[in-house]
Protein backbone atom coordinates (compact mmCIF):
# COMPACT_ATOMS: atom_id res chain seq x y z
CA MET A 1 -16.95 -6.27 11.95
CA SER A 2 -15.11 -4.51 9.02
CA ILE A 3 -16.12 -2.89 5.73
CA TYR A 4 -13.76 -3.53 2.47
CA VAL A 5 -13.72 -0.33 0.11
CA GLY A 6 -12.09 -1.22 -3.15
CA ASN A 7 -11.54 0.73 -6.61
CA LEU A 8 -10.69 3.85 -4.68
CA SER A 9 -8.97 6.50 -6.51
CA TYR A 10 -5.34 6.90 -5.08
CA ASP A 11 -5.82 10.46 -4.03
CA VAL A 12 -8.28 9.43 -1.20
CA THR A 13 -7.48 10.25 2.32
CA GLN A 14 -8.41 8.45 5.72
CA ASP A 15 -10.53 11.89 5.94
CA ASP A 16 -12.39 11.68 2.70
CA LEU A 17 -13.37 8.03 3.99
CA ASN A 18 -14.48 9.10 7.20
CA THR A 19 -16.45 11.53 5.89
CA VAL A 20 -18.04 9.74 3.32
CA PHE A 21 -19.11 6.84 5.80
CA ALA A 22 -20.15 9.17 8.53
CA GLU A 23 -23.28 9.90 6.45
CA TYR A 24 -24.16 6.10 7.84
CA GLY A 25 -23.36 6.06 11.17
CA THR A 26 -20.31 6.56 13.69
CA VAL A 27 -16.91 5.97 11.92
CA GLN A 28 -14.67 3.88 14.58
CA ARG A 29 -11.85 3.13 12.29
CA VAL A 30 -10.47 3.87 8.76
CA HIS A 31 -7.37 2.01 7.47
CA LEU A 32 -5.92 2.57 4.07
CA PRO A 33 -2.98 0.43 3.06
CA THR A 34 -0.21 1.58 1.52
CA ASP A 35 2.58 0.08 -1.11
CA ARG A 36 5.88 -0.71 1.09
CA GLU A 37 8.27 0.86 -1.37
CA THR A 38 6.34 3.88 -2.85
CA GLY A 39 3.96 4.48 0.37
CA ARG A 40 1.19 5.17 -1.63
CA PRO A 41 -2.35 3.98 -1.36
CA ARG A 42 -2.74 0.77 -2.66
CA GLY A 43 -6.44 1.49 -3.91
CA PHE A 44 -8.41 0.05 -1.30
CA GLY A 45 -9.05 0.44 2.06
CA PHE A 46 -11.55 -0.70 5.30
CA VAL A 47 -13.90 0.84 7.54
CA GLU A 48 -15.00 -0.32 10.66
CA MET A 49 -18.60 1.22 12.46
CA SER A 50 -20.06 1.10 15.58
CA ALA A 51 -22.98 -0.93 14.71
CA GLU A 52 -23.60 -3.89 11.98
CA ALA A 53 -26.88 -1.93 10.76
CA GLU A 54 -24.90 0.99 9.94
CA GLU A 55 -22.31 -1.10 8.21
CA ASP A 56 -25.25 -2.62 6.11
CA ALA A 57 -26.50 0.74 5.50
CA ALA A 58 -23.41 1.91 4.19
CA ILE A 59 -22.84 -1.24 1.82
CA GLU A 60 -26.32 -0.73 0.61
CA ALA A 61 -25.90 2.78 -0.42
CA LEU A 62 -21.92 2.71 -1.44
CA ASP A 63 -21.55 -0.23 -3.15
CA GLY A 64 -21.18 0.70 -7.04
CA ALA A 65 -21.79 3.98 -6.35
CA GLU A 66 -19.18 6.80 -8.29
CA TRP A 67 -17.12 8.49 -6.09
CA MET A 68 -14.05 10.78 -7.16
CA GLY A 69 -14.27 9.19 -10.79
CA ARG A 70 -14.35 5.63 -9.61
CA SER A 71 -17.13 3.01 -9.21
CA LEU A 72 -16.72 1.76 -5.72
CA ARG A 73 -17.04 -1.85 -4.57
CA VAL A 74 -17.87 -2.09 -0.65
CA ASN A 75 -18.89 -5.08 1.23
CA LYS A 76 -18.19 -6.96 4.08
CA ALA A 77 -14.49 -7.97 5.07
CA LYS A 78 -13.38 -11.50 4.83
CA PRO A 79 -11.02 -12.90 7.39
CA ARG A 80 -7.30 -12.32 6.48
CA GLU A 81 -6.35 -15.66 4.49
CA GLU A 82 -3.24 -17.50 6.10
CA ARG A 83 -0.42 -17.48 4.06
CA SER A 84 1.89 -20.32 3.20
CA ASN A 85 5.93 -19.89 3.62
CA ASP A 86 6.47 -19.77 -0.09
CA ARG A 87 3.34 -17.26 -0.55
CA GLY A 88 1.96 -19.40 -3.05
CA ARG A 89 4.96 -19.17 -5.84
CA SER A 90 6.34 -22.37 -7.52
CA GLY A 91 10.05 -22.13 -7.83
CA GLY A 92 12.50 -20.28 -6.45
CA TRP A 93 14.84 -20.17 -3.50
CA GLY A 94 13.52 -21.58 -0.35
CA GLY A 95 15.27 -21.64 3.35
CA ASP A 96 14.71 -24.16 6.25
CA ARG A 97 14.81 -22.69 9.68
CA ASN A 98 18.83 -23.73 9.89
CA GLY A 99 19.49 -21.08 7.05
CA ASN A 100 19.91 -23.74 4.20
CA TYR A 101 18.58 -22.74 0.78
CA SER A 102 18.21 -24.78 -2.16
CA ARG A 103 16.54 -24.33 -5.38
CA ASN A 104 12.58 -25.29 -5.46
CA PHE A 105 11.00 -26.40 -8.25
């Protein structure tokens, strides 16, 4: 399982998150997604710990805690949702498998 950590400072690093969560158990992995265009962190991340009890302890202690000038949002990560081909947008240009494009309204 994974922990979602939201409302992070844009200055936070993987090492910062590792240090904070290590107080509650063994951190196996930290992932901080970055914006494709700017390369900046997106303000949220994911932490995986070695045991569910450690994750629960970290969530209990850190959800709502003030850290680096922000009130953290910490909870169990939800499975990633499947996106539709048009990414949920209405309108725009859409193509079929053969490369034929038409305006979708």
